[in-house]
Every structure is written in C-alpha cells, then in structure tokens.
Amino acid sequence: LLGAPLGSDVQLECTVEASPMPVSYWLKGGRVLPNSFASASNGNYEQPSLSRPEMLLDGPKYGITEDRHGFRTNMRLVVRSFSPADVGTYHCVSTNSLGRADGTMRLYGKLFCCSIHIFKVLDGVINFSFGLSTSSINCIVVLLCLHTTFPFLATHR
C-alpha cells in the first residue's frame, strides 16, 4: 500500500530473479469504471464496476524501465502527474518458459480538505482564511483556494 500526493510523480519498483531470462511487464487493474456508481433507493451507493487489468506501456503517462544484472531484473514504473484516475492496483509480472510470478501494489491518493472561513465582505471583495486537514470522503470535488499555488481536494457531503 503506497500513498502519494496528487500531482506528483510516483515510482513503483519490483525485483525479479529468474532463469531463463523472463519477459516482464506492468498491469493496472481494479479501476472504477466511469458512471458506475448508481444511487440506491435508500440513498446509499452501490458497489462500482471494475475494469479488466490493462497492460501499461512506456509513454507520456507512464515511464517504464528495467535494469538487468545477471539473473536479477529491477523493474520500475513511474506514474507521472498522479491523479485520482491513477488510484488502483498495479501488478509487476514476469514470465518465462518455467512459469510466471507477479507482485501487487495498491496506490492511493493523499486527500486534503480545504475549509474556508469567510469573515468579511466589503465592496464585493471577500476576505477569508482557510485550513487544511486530512479527511475521509464520500465524494471528491476540486476546490481552488485563492492565495495558494495548487488546488486542494475537498469533501462534499
């Protein structure tokens, strides 16, 4: 289980020892499908639908490298600009003629709540203060707090 701030680059690593030399790759699975939360009659939400694992390729979103030293292979996956869509389960997989092995990592986002306290409104100008706290969430919305350099994720109940 690995947590990372939203917007950061996240590096996952796996080490494999195998002979004959394996073919290694990364999979991402267990992602929530869009629009899969249906409201139940009692106001609760149903279990979301999950997608099949997808093979990850080196490119703008993912950086994939391997370092081989004899029978040992160090696999690295960099998830660039980590976002809520990147939350999920990642698998490093190695296979050769004698079998298959895999490792699993779960990546989650570190979410922050931004609470704004309005204390004065003069001539259309709003003066406020804000605070940050970690929070369990029901629903995520992006709230841009003025006088900061980055957006915070806030709870909306």
N, C-alpha and C. Protein backbone atom coordinates (compact mmCIF):
# COMPACT_ATOMS: atom_id res chain seq x y z
N LEU A 1 0.86 -1.17 0.00
CA LEU A 1 0.00 0.00 0.00
C LEU A 1 0.90 1.22 0.00
N LEU A 2 0.70 2.09 -0.97
CA LEU A 2 1.55 3.26 -1.15
C LEU A 2 0.67 4.48 -1.35
N GLY A 3 0.94 5.54 -0.61
CA GLY A 3 0.20 6.78 -0.77
C GLY A 3 1.06 7.84 -1.41
N ALA A 4 0.45 8.72 -2.19
CA ALA A 4 1.20 9.77 -2.87
C ALA A 4 0.35 11.02 -3.01
N PRO A 5 0.99 12.20 -2.94
CA PRO A 5 0.24 13.44 -3.16
C PRO A 5 -0.21 13.56 -4.61
N LEU A 6 -1.39 14.08 -4.82
CA LEU A 6 -1.88 14.28 -6.18
C LEU A 6 -0.99 15.28 -6.89
N GLY A 7 -0.75 15.03 -8.18
CA GLY A 7 0.09 15.90 -8.99
C GLY A 7 1.56 15.51 -9.01
N SER A 8 1.97 14.62 -8.10
CA SER A 8 3.38 14.22 -8.04
C SER A 8 3.65 13.05 -8.98
N ASP A 9 4.93 12.77 -9.21
CA ASP A 9 5.34 11.57 -9.93
C ASP A 9 5.57 10.47 -8.90
N VAL A 10 5.04 9.28 -9.14
CA VAL A 10 5.12 8.17 -8.20
C VAL A 10 5.92 7.04 -8.84
N GLN A 11 6.90 6.50 -8.10
CA GLN A 11 7.71 5.41 -8.62
C GLN A 11 7.41 4.11 -7.88
N LEU A 12 7.09 3.06 -8.64
CA LEU A 12 6.87 1.72 -8.10
C LEU A 12 8.02 0.84 -8.58
N GLU A 13 8.49 -0.07 -7.73
CA GLU A 13 9.61 -0.94 -8.09
C GLU A 13 9.32 -2.39 -7.76
N CYS A 14 9.86 -3.28 -8.60
CA CYS A 14 9.80 -4.72 -8.37
C CYS A 14 11.17 -5.31 -8.71
N THR A 15 11.58 -6.32 -7.96
CA THR A 15 12.82 -7.03 -8.26
C THR A 15 12.47 -8.49 -8.54
N VAL A 16 13.01 -9.00 -9.65
CA VAL A 16 12.73 -10.37 -10.08
C VAL A 16 14.05 -11.10 -10.26
N GLU A 17 14.14 -12.34 -9.79
CA GLU A 17 15.28 -13.20 -10.07
C GLU A 17 14.76 -14.42 -10.80
N ALA A 18 15.25 -14.62 -12.04
CA ALA A 18 14.72 -15.72 -12.85
C ALA A 18 15.73 -16.18 -13.89
N SER A 19 15.66 -17.46 -14.20
CA SER A 19 16.43 -18.05 -15.29
C SER A 19 15.59 -19.19 -15.86
N PRO A 20 15.38 -19.26 -17.17
CA PRO A 20 15.91 -18.35 -18.18
C PRO A 20 15.33 -16.94 -18.03
N MET A 21 15.95 -15.97 -18.75
CA MET A 21 15.57 -14.57 -18.64
C MET A 21 14.08 -14.39 -18.91
N PRO A 22 13.38 -13.67 -18.02
CA PRO A 22 11.93 -13.52 -18.18
C PRO A 22 11.55 -12.35 -19.09
N VAL A 23 10.30 -12.37 -19.51
CA VAL A 23 9.65 -11.22 -20.13
C VAL A 23 8.87 -10.56 -18.99
N SER A 24 9.10 -9.27 -18.78
CA SER A 24 8.47 -8.57 -17.65
C SER A 24 7.62 -7.42 -18.15
N TYR A 25 6.51 -7.16 -17.44
CA TYR A 25 5.62 -6.07 -17.83
C TYR A 25 4.80 -5.63 -16.63
N TRP A 26 4.12 -4.49 -16.77
CA TRP A 26 3.27 -3.92 -15.73
C TRP A 26 1.81 -3.96 -16.15
N LEU A 27 0.92 -4.27 -15.19
CA LEU A 27 -0.52 -4.22 -15.41
C LEU A 27 -1.15 -3.29 -14.37
N LYS A 28 -2.24 -2.67 -14.75
CA LYS A 28 -3.03 -1.90 -13.79
C LYS A 28 -4.43 -2.47 -13.83
N GLY A 29 -4.99 -2.81 -12.67
CA GLY A 29 -6.32 -3.39 -12.63
C GLY A 29 -7.12 -2.86 -11.46
N GLY A 30 -8.40 -3.12 -11.50
CA GLY A 30 -9.27 -2.72 -10.40
C GLY A 30 -9.68 -1.27 -10.44
N ARG A 31 -9.64 -0.66 -11.63
CA ARG A 31 -10.03 0.74 -11.74
C ARG A 31 -11.55 0.85 -11.81
N VAL A 32 -12.11 1.86 -11.15
CA VAL A 32 -13.56 2.07 -11.18
C VAL A 32 -13.94 2.61 -12.55
N LEU A 33 -14.94 1.98 -13.16
CA LEU A 33 -15.42 2.43 -14.46
C LEU A 33 -16.25 3.70 -14.30
N PRO A 34 -16.14 4.64 -15.27
CA PRO A 34 -16.91 5.89 -15.17
C PRO A 34 -18.42 5.60 -15.10
N ASN A 35 -19.12 6.42 -14.35
CA ASN A 35 -20.58 6.33 -14.21
C ASN A 35 -21.06 4.99 -13.66
N SER A 36 -20.23 4.31 -12.89
CA SER A 36 -20.65 3.00 -12.38
C SER A 36 -21.24 3.09 -10.97
N PHE A 37 -21.31 4.29 -10.39
CA PHE A 37 -21.96 4.44 -9.10
C PHE A 37 -23.43 4.76 -9.35
N ALA A 38 -24.30 3.85 -8.98
CA ALA A 38 -25.74 4.07 -9.16
C ALA A 38 -26.36 4.29 -7.78
N SER A 39 -27.19 5.27 -7.66
CA SER A 39 -27.82 5.58 -6.39
C SER A 39 -28.90 4.55 -6.07
N ALA A 40 -28.84 4.01 -4.88
CA ALA A 40 -29.86 3.06 -4.44
C ALA A 40 -31.03 3.84 -3.85
N SER A 41 -32.15 3.17 -3.68
CA SER A 41 -33.36 3.84 -3.19
C SER A 41 -33.18 4.39 -1.77
N ASN A 42 -32.29 3.79 -0.97
CA ASN A 42 -32.08 4.26 0.40
C ASN A 42 -31.05 5.39 0.48
N GLY A 43 -30.57 5.89 -0.67
CA GLY A 43 -29.61 6.98 -0.67
C GLY A 43 -28.16 6.53 -0.64
N ASN A 44 -27.92 5.23 -0.44
CA ASN A 44 -26.55 4.71 -0.46
C ASN A 44 -26.14 4.42 -1.90
N TYR A 45 -24.85 4.24 -2.09
CA TYR A 45 -24.33 3.96 -3.42
C TYR A 45 -23.98 2.49 -3.55
N GLU A 46 -24.22 1.94 -4.73
CA GLU A 46 -23.92 0.54 -4.99
C GLU A 46 -22.42 0.38 -5.25
N GLN A 47 -21.95 -0.86 -5.20
CA GLN A 47 -20.55 -1.17 -5.48
C GLN A 47 -20.22 -0.80 -6.92
N PRO A 48 -19.09 -0.10 -7.16
CA PRO A 48 -18.74 0.28 -8.52
C PRO A 48 -18.29 -0.92 -9.35
N SER A 49 -18.38 -0.81 -10.67
CA SER A 49 -17.88 -1.83 -11.58
C SER A 49 -16.37 -1.64 -11.75
N LEU A 50 -15.65 -2.74 -11.85
CA LEU A 50 -14.20 -2.67 -12.02
C LEU A 50 -13.81 -3.12 -13.43
N SER A 51 -12.75 -2.50 -13.95
CA SER A 51 -12.29 -2.85 -15.29
C SER A 51 -11.34 -4.04 -15.24
N ARG A 52 -11.08 -4.64 -16.40
CA ARG A 52 -10.06 -5.67 -16.51
C ARG A 52 -8.70 -5.02 -16.38
N PRO A 53 -7.69 -5.77 -15.95
CA PRO A 53 -6.34 -5.19 -15.90
C PRO A 53 -5.90 -4.76 -17.30
N GLU A 54 -5.21 -3.63 -17.36
CA GLU A 54 -4.69 -3.16 -18.64
C GLU A 54 -3.17 -3.18 -18.60
N MET A 55 -2.55 -3.53 -19.72
CA MET A 55 -1.10 -3.52 -19.80
C MET A 55 -0.64 -2.08 -19.96
N LEU A 56 0.37 -1.70 -19.18
CA LEU A 56 0.88 -0.34 -19.23
C LEU A 56 2.07 -0.27 -20.17
N LEU A 57 2.12 0.79 -20.97
CA LEU A 57 3.19 0.99 -21.94
C LEU A 57 3.96 2.25 -21.62
N ASP A 58 5.24 2.25 -21.94
CA ASP A 58 6.08 3.42 -21.76
C ASP A 58 5.59 4.55 -22.65
N GLY A 59 5.40 5.74 -22.09
CA GLY A 59 4.89 6.87 -22.87
C GLY A 59 4.75 8.09 -22.00
N PRO A 60 3.88 9.04 -22.40
CA PRO A 60 3.74 10.29 -21.65
C PRO A 60 3.23 10.10 -20.22
N LYS A 61 2.33 9.14 -20.00
CA LYS A 61 1.75 8.93 -18.67
C LYS A 61 2.62 8.04 -17.79
N TYR A 62 3.19 6.99 -18.37
CA TYR A 62 3.96 6.01 -17.60
C TYR A 62 5.39 5.94 -18.13
N GLY A 63 6.34 5.93 -17.21
CA GLY A 63 7.74 5.68 -17.56
C GLY A 63 8.10 4.29 -17.07
N ILE A 64 8.54 3.42 -17.97
CA ILE A 64 8.85 2.04 -17.61
C ILE A 64 10.31 1.76 -17.96
N THR A 65 11.08 1.30 -16.96
CA THR A 65 12.48 0.95 -17.19
C THR A 65 12.79 -0.38 -16.51
N GLU A 66 13.84 -1.03 -17.00
CA GLU A 66 14.34 -2.28 -16.41
C GLU A 66 15.85 -2.21 -16.35
N ASP A 67 16.43 -2.65 -15.25
CA ASP A 67 17.87 -2.80 -15.11
C ASP A 67 18.13 -4.28 -14.88
N ARG A 68 18.92 -4.89 -15.76
CA ARG A 68 19.23 -6.33 -15.64
C ARG A 68 20.67 -6.51 -15.19
N HIS A 69 20.86 -7.36 -14.17
CA HIS A 69 22.17 -7.69 -13.64
C HIS A 69 22.19 -9.20 -13.41
N GLY A 70 22.71 -9.95 -14.37
CA GLY A 70 22.71 -11.41 -14.25
C GLY A 70 21.29 -11.95 -14.27
N PHE A 71 20.94 -12.69 -13.21
CA PHE A 71 19.59 -13.26 -13.11
C PHE A 71 18.58 -12.29 -12.51
N ARG A 72 19.05 -11.12 -12.06
CA ARG A 72 18.18 -10.17 -11.38
C ARG A 72 17.74 -9.05 -12.33
N THR A 73 16.44 -8.75 -12.27
CA THR A 73 15.86 -7.65 -13.04
C THR A 73 15.16 -6.71 -12.07
N ASN A 74 15.52 -5.43 -12.11
CA ASN A 74 14.82 -4.40 -11.32
C ASN A 74 13.87 -3.67 -12.26
N MET A 75 12.59 -3.80 -12.00
CA MET A 75 11.55 -3.15 -12.81
C MET A 75 11.12 -1.87 -12.11
N ARG A 76 10.96 -0.79 -12.89
CA ARG A 76 10.48 0.48 -12.33
C ARG A 76 9.35 1.02 -13.19
N LEU A 77 8.32 1.49 -12.51
CA LEU A 77 7.19 2.15 -13.16
C LEU A 77 7.04 3.53 -12.52
N VAL A 78 7.07 4.58 -13.34
CA VAL A 78 6.83 5.94 -12.85
C VAL A 78 5.47 6.38 -13.38
N VAL A 79 4.56 6.70 -12.47
CA VAL A 79 3.25 7.24 -12.83
C VAL A 79 3.40 8.76 -12.77
N ARG A 80 3.33 9.40 -13.93
CA ARG A 80 3.55 10.85 -13.99
C ARG A 80 2.27 11.62 -13.68
N SER A 81 2.42 12.73 -12.99
CA SER A 81 1.29 13.62 -12.64
C SER A 81 0.13 12.83 -12.04
N PHE A 82 0.40 12.17 -10.93
CA PHE A 82 -0.56 11.31 -10.26
C PHE A 82 -1.90 12.03 -10.06
N SER A 83 -2.98 11.37 -10.48
CA SER A 83 -4.33 11.93 -10.38
C SER A 83 -5.28 10.89 -9.79
N PRO A 84 -6.51 11.27 -9.43
CA PRO A 84 -7.45 10.28 -8.89
C PRO A 84 -7.68 9.10 -9.83
N ALA A 85 -7.56 9.29 -11.14
CA ALA A 85 -7.74 8.19 -12.09
C ALA A 85 -6.63 7.15 -11.98
N ASP A 86 -5.50 7.51 -11.36
CA ASP A 86 -4.37 6.58 -11.22
C ASP A 86 -4.46 5.71 -9.98
N VAL A 87 -5.41 5.99 -9.11
CA VAL A 87 -5.58 5.18 -7.90
C VAL A 87 -5.98 3.78 -8.31
N GLY A 88 -5.39 2.77 -7.69
CA GLY A 88 -5.76 1.40 -8.01
C GLY A 88 -4.65 0.42 -7.71
N THR A 89 -4.78 -0.76 -8.27
CA THR A 89 -3.85 -1.85 -8.05
C THR A 89 -2.93 -2.01 -9.25
N TYR A 90 -1.64 -2.10 -8.98
CA TYR A 90 -0.63 -2.27 -10.03
C TYR A 90 0.06 -3.61 -9.82
N HIS A 91 0.33 -4.30 -10.92
CA HIS A 91 0.96 -5.62 -10.87
C HIS A 91 2.23 -5.60 -11.71
N CYS A 92 3.34 -6.06 -11.13
CA CYS A 92 4.54 -6.32 -11.94
C CYS A 92 4.53 -7.82 -12.22
N VAL A 93 4.70 -8.18 -13.48
CA VAL A 93 4.58 -9.58 -13.90
C VAL A 93 5.84 -9.99 -14.65
N SER A 94 6.36 -11.17 -14.34
CA SER A 94 7.48 -11.75 -15.07
C SER A 94 7.13 -13.18 -15.42
N THR A 95 7.43 -13.53 -16.67
CA THR A 95 7.12 -14.89 -17.12
C THR A 95 8.26 -15.42 -17.99
N ASN A 96 8.51 -16.71 -17.87
CA ASN A 96 9.46 -17.39 -18.77
C ASN A 96 8.93 -18.79 -19.03
N SER A 97 9.74 -19.62 -19.67
CA SER A 97 9.26 -20.96 -20.06
C SER A 97 8.98 -21.86 -18.85
N LEU A 98 9.45 -21.49 -17.67
CA LEU A 98 9.25 -22.32 -16.48
C LEU A 98 8.11 -21.85 -15.58
N GLY A 99 7.55 -20.68 -15.87
CA GLY A 99 6.45 -20.22 -15.02
C GLY A 99 6.24 -18.73 -15.05
N ARG A 100 5.45 -18.28 -14.09
CA ARG A 100 5.07 -16.87 -14.00
C ARG A 100 5.07 -16.45 -12.54
N ALA A 101 5.48 -15.22 -12.28
CA ALA A 101 5.42 -14.65 -10.93
C ALA A 101 4.94 -13.22 -11.05
N ASP A 102 4.22 -12.76 -10.03
CA ASP A 102 3.78 -11.36 -10.05
C ASP A 102 3.76 -10.79 -8.65
N GLY A 103 3.86 -9.49 -8.58
CA GLY A 103 3.76 -8.75 -7.33
C GLY A 103 2.64 -7.73 -7.47
N THR A 104 2.03 -7.37 -6.37
CA THR A 104 0.89 -6.44 -6.40
C THR A 104 1.14 -5.28 -5.44
N MET A 105 0.84 -4.07 -5.91
CA MET A 105 0.93 -2.86 -5.10
C MET A 105 -0.35 -2.08 -5.26
N ARG A 106 -0.83 -1.51 -4.19
CA ARG A 106 -2.03 -0.68 -4.25
C ARG A 106 -1.61 0.77 -4.02
N LEU A 107 -2.03 1.63 -4.92
CA LEU A 107 -1.66 3.04 -4.87
C LEU A 107 -2.91 3.86 -4.55
N TYR A 108 -2.80 4.73 -3.56
CA TYR A 108 -3.93 5.59 -3.21
C TYR A 108 -3.46 7.03 -3.13
N GLY A 109 -4.40 7.97 -3.21
CA GLY A 109 -4.06 9.39 -3.15
C GLY A 109 -4.17 9.91 -1.74
N LYS A 110 -3.32 10.86 -1.42
CA LYS A 110 -3.43 11.57 -0.15
C LYS A 110 -4.35 12.75 -0.39
N LEU A 111 -5.51 12.73 0.23
CA LEU A 111 -6.53 13.75 0.01
C LEU A 111 -6.54 14.74 1.16
N PHE A 112 -6.78 15.98 0.84
CA PHE A 112 -6.82 17.03 1.85
C PHE A 112 -8.15 17.77 1.76
N CYS A 113 -8.62 18.21 2.88
CA CYS A 113 -9.83 19.01 2.93
C CYS A 113 -9.43 20.46 3.15
N CYS A 114 -10.00 21.31 2.36
CA CYS A 114 -9.74 22.74 2.49
C CYS A 114 -11.01 23.39 3.03
N SER A 115 -10.94 23.93 4.23
CA SER A 115 -12.12 24.59 4.80
C SER A 115 -11.91 26.10 4.74
N ILE A 116 -12.88 26.80 4.17
CA ILE A 116 -12.78 28.24 4.01
C ILE A 116 -13.71 28.92 5.02
N HIS A 117 -13.20 29.92 5.69
CA HIS A 117 -13.98 30.70 6.65
C HIS A 117 -14.06 32.14 6.15
N ILE A 118 -15.23 32.55 5.70
CA ILE A 118 -15.40 33.92 5.22
C ILE A 118 -15.64 34.80 6.44
N PHE A 119 -14.83 35.86 6.57
CA PHE A 119 -15.01 36.71 7.74
C PHE A 119 -15.34 38.15 7.41
N LYS A 120 -15.28 38.57 6.15
CA LYS A 120 -15.65 39.95 5.83
C LYS A 120 -15.95 40.08 4.33
N VAL A 121 -17.02 40.76 4.01
CA VAL A 121 -17.34 41.08 2.62
C VAL A 121 -17.50 42.60 2.54
N LEU A 122 -16.59 43.27 1.83
CA LEU A 122 -16.63 44.73 1.68
C LEU A 122 -16.52 45.09 0.21
N ASP A 123 -17.44 45.87 -0.29
CA ASP A 123 -17.41 46.35 -1.68
C ASP A 123 -17.18 45.21 -2.67
N GLY A 124 -17.82 44.08 -2.45
CA GLY A 124 -17.70 42.95 -3.36
C GLY A 124 -16.43 42.14 -3.22
N VAL A 125 -15.55 42.50 -2.27
CA VAL A 125 -14.31 41.75 -2.05
C VAL A 125 -14.53 40.84 -0.86
N ILE A 126 -14.24 39.56 -1.05
CA ILE A 126 -14.41 38.57 0.03
C ILE A 126 -13.06 38.32 0.68
N ASN A 127 -12.96 38.55 1.96
CA ASN A 127 -11.76 38.20 2.72
C ASN A 127 -12.04 36.89 3.44
N PHE A 128 -11.06 35.99 3.43
CA PHE A 128 -11.29 34.69 4.06
C PHE A 128 -9.99 34.12 4.58
N SER A 129 -10.13 33.12 5.43
CA SER A 129 -8.99 32.31 5.86
C SER A 129 -9.33 30.87 5.53
N PHE A 130 -8.31 30.02 5.47
CA PHE A 130 -8.59 28.61 5.18
C PHE A 130 -7.65 27.73 5.99
N GLY A 131 -8.07 26.47 6.13
CA GLY A 131 -7.26 25.49 6.84
C GLY A 131 -7.26 24.18 6.10
N LEU A 132 -6.26 23.35 6.36
CA LEU A 132 -6.15 22.04 5.72
C LEU A 132 -6.26 20.95 6.76
N SER A 133 -6.90 19.85 6.38
CA SER A 133 -6.94 18.68 7.25
C SER A 133 -7.16 17.46 6.38
N THR A 134 -6.66 16.33 6.85
CA THR A 134 -6.96 15.09 6.14
C THR A 134 -8.38 14.70 6.51
N SER A 135 -9.03 13.98 5.62
CA SER A 135 -10.44 13.68 5.86
C SER A 135 -10.83 12.40 5.14
N SER A 136 -11.76 11.65 5.72
CA SER A 136 -12.37 10.57 4.96
C SER A 136 -13.44 11.22 4.09
N ILE A 137 -13.69 10.66 2.94
CA ILE A 137 -14.56 11.35 1.99
C ILE A 137 -15.68 10.45 1.50
N ASN A 138 -16.76 11.07 1.12
CA ASN A 138 -17.85 10.39 0.43
C ASN A 138 -17.80 10.70 -1.04
N CYS A 139 -17.48 11.94 -1.37
CA CYS A 139 -17.47 12.40 -2.74
C CYS A 139 -16.33 13.40 -2.85
N ILE A 140 -15.61 13.38 -3.96
CA ILE A 140 -14.47 14.27 -4.12
C ILE A 140 -14.82 15.38 -5.09
N VAL A 141 -14.55 16.61 -4.71
CA VAL A 141 -14.67 17.74 -5.62
C VAL A 141 -13.38 18.53 -5.54
N VAL A 142 -13.03 19.23 -6.61
CA VAL A 142 -11.82 20.05 -6.60
C VAL A 142 -12.23 21.46 -6.22
N LEU A 143 -11.56 22.00 -5.23
CA LEU A 143 -11.84 23.34 -4.75
C LEU A 143 -10.54 24.13 -4.82
N LEU A 144 -10.51 25.20 -5.60
CA LEU A 144 -9.31 26.01 -5.71
C LEU A 144 -9.36 27.10 -4.65
N CYS A 145 -8.43 27.06 -3.72
CA CYS A 145 -8.36 28.06 -2.66
C CYS A 145 -7.49 29.21 -3.16
N LEU A 146 -8.01 30.43 -3.09
CA LEU A 146 -7.24 31.58 -3.53
C LEU A 146 -6.03 31.78 -2.62
N HIS A 147 -5.02 32.43 -3.12
CA HIS A 147 -3.79 32.72 -2.39
C HIS A 147 -2.99 31.45 -2.10
N THR A 148 -3.17 30.43 -2.88
CA THR A 148 -2.35 29.24 -2.78
C THR A 148 -1.81 28.94 -4.16
N THR A 149 -0.88 28.03 -4.25
CA THR A 149 -0.27 27.72 -5.53
C THR A 149 -0.79 26.43 -6.15
N PHE A 150 -1.67 25.72 -5.46
CA PHE A 150 -2.20 24.49 -6.03
C PHE A 150 -3.60 24.22 -5.49
N PRO A 151 -4.42 23.45 -6.26
CA PRO A 151 -5.77 23.13 -5.79
C PRO A 151 -5.74 22.04 -4.73
N PHE A 152 -6.75 22.03 -3.89
CA PHE A 152 -6.91 21.00 -2.87
C PHE A 152 -8.16 20.21 -3.20
N LEU A 153 -8.17 18.95 -2.80
CA LEU A 153 -9.38 18.16 -2.93
C LEU A 153 -10.17 18.32 -1.64
N ALA A 154 -11.43 18.60 -1.78
CA ALA A 154 -12.26 18.85 -0.60
C ALA A 154 -13.42 17.88 -0.55
N THR A 155 -13.98 17.71 0.64
CA THR A 155 -15.13 16.83 0.76
C THR A 155 -16.40 17.60 0.46
N HIS A 156 -17.36 16.90 -0.07
CA HIS A 156 -18.67 17.47 -0.33
C HIS A 156 -19.68 16.43 0.12
N ARG A 157 -20.45 16.72 1.13
CA ARG A 157 -21.39 15.74 1.68
C ARG A 157 -22.79 16.16 1.42
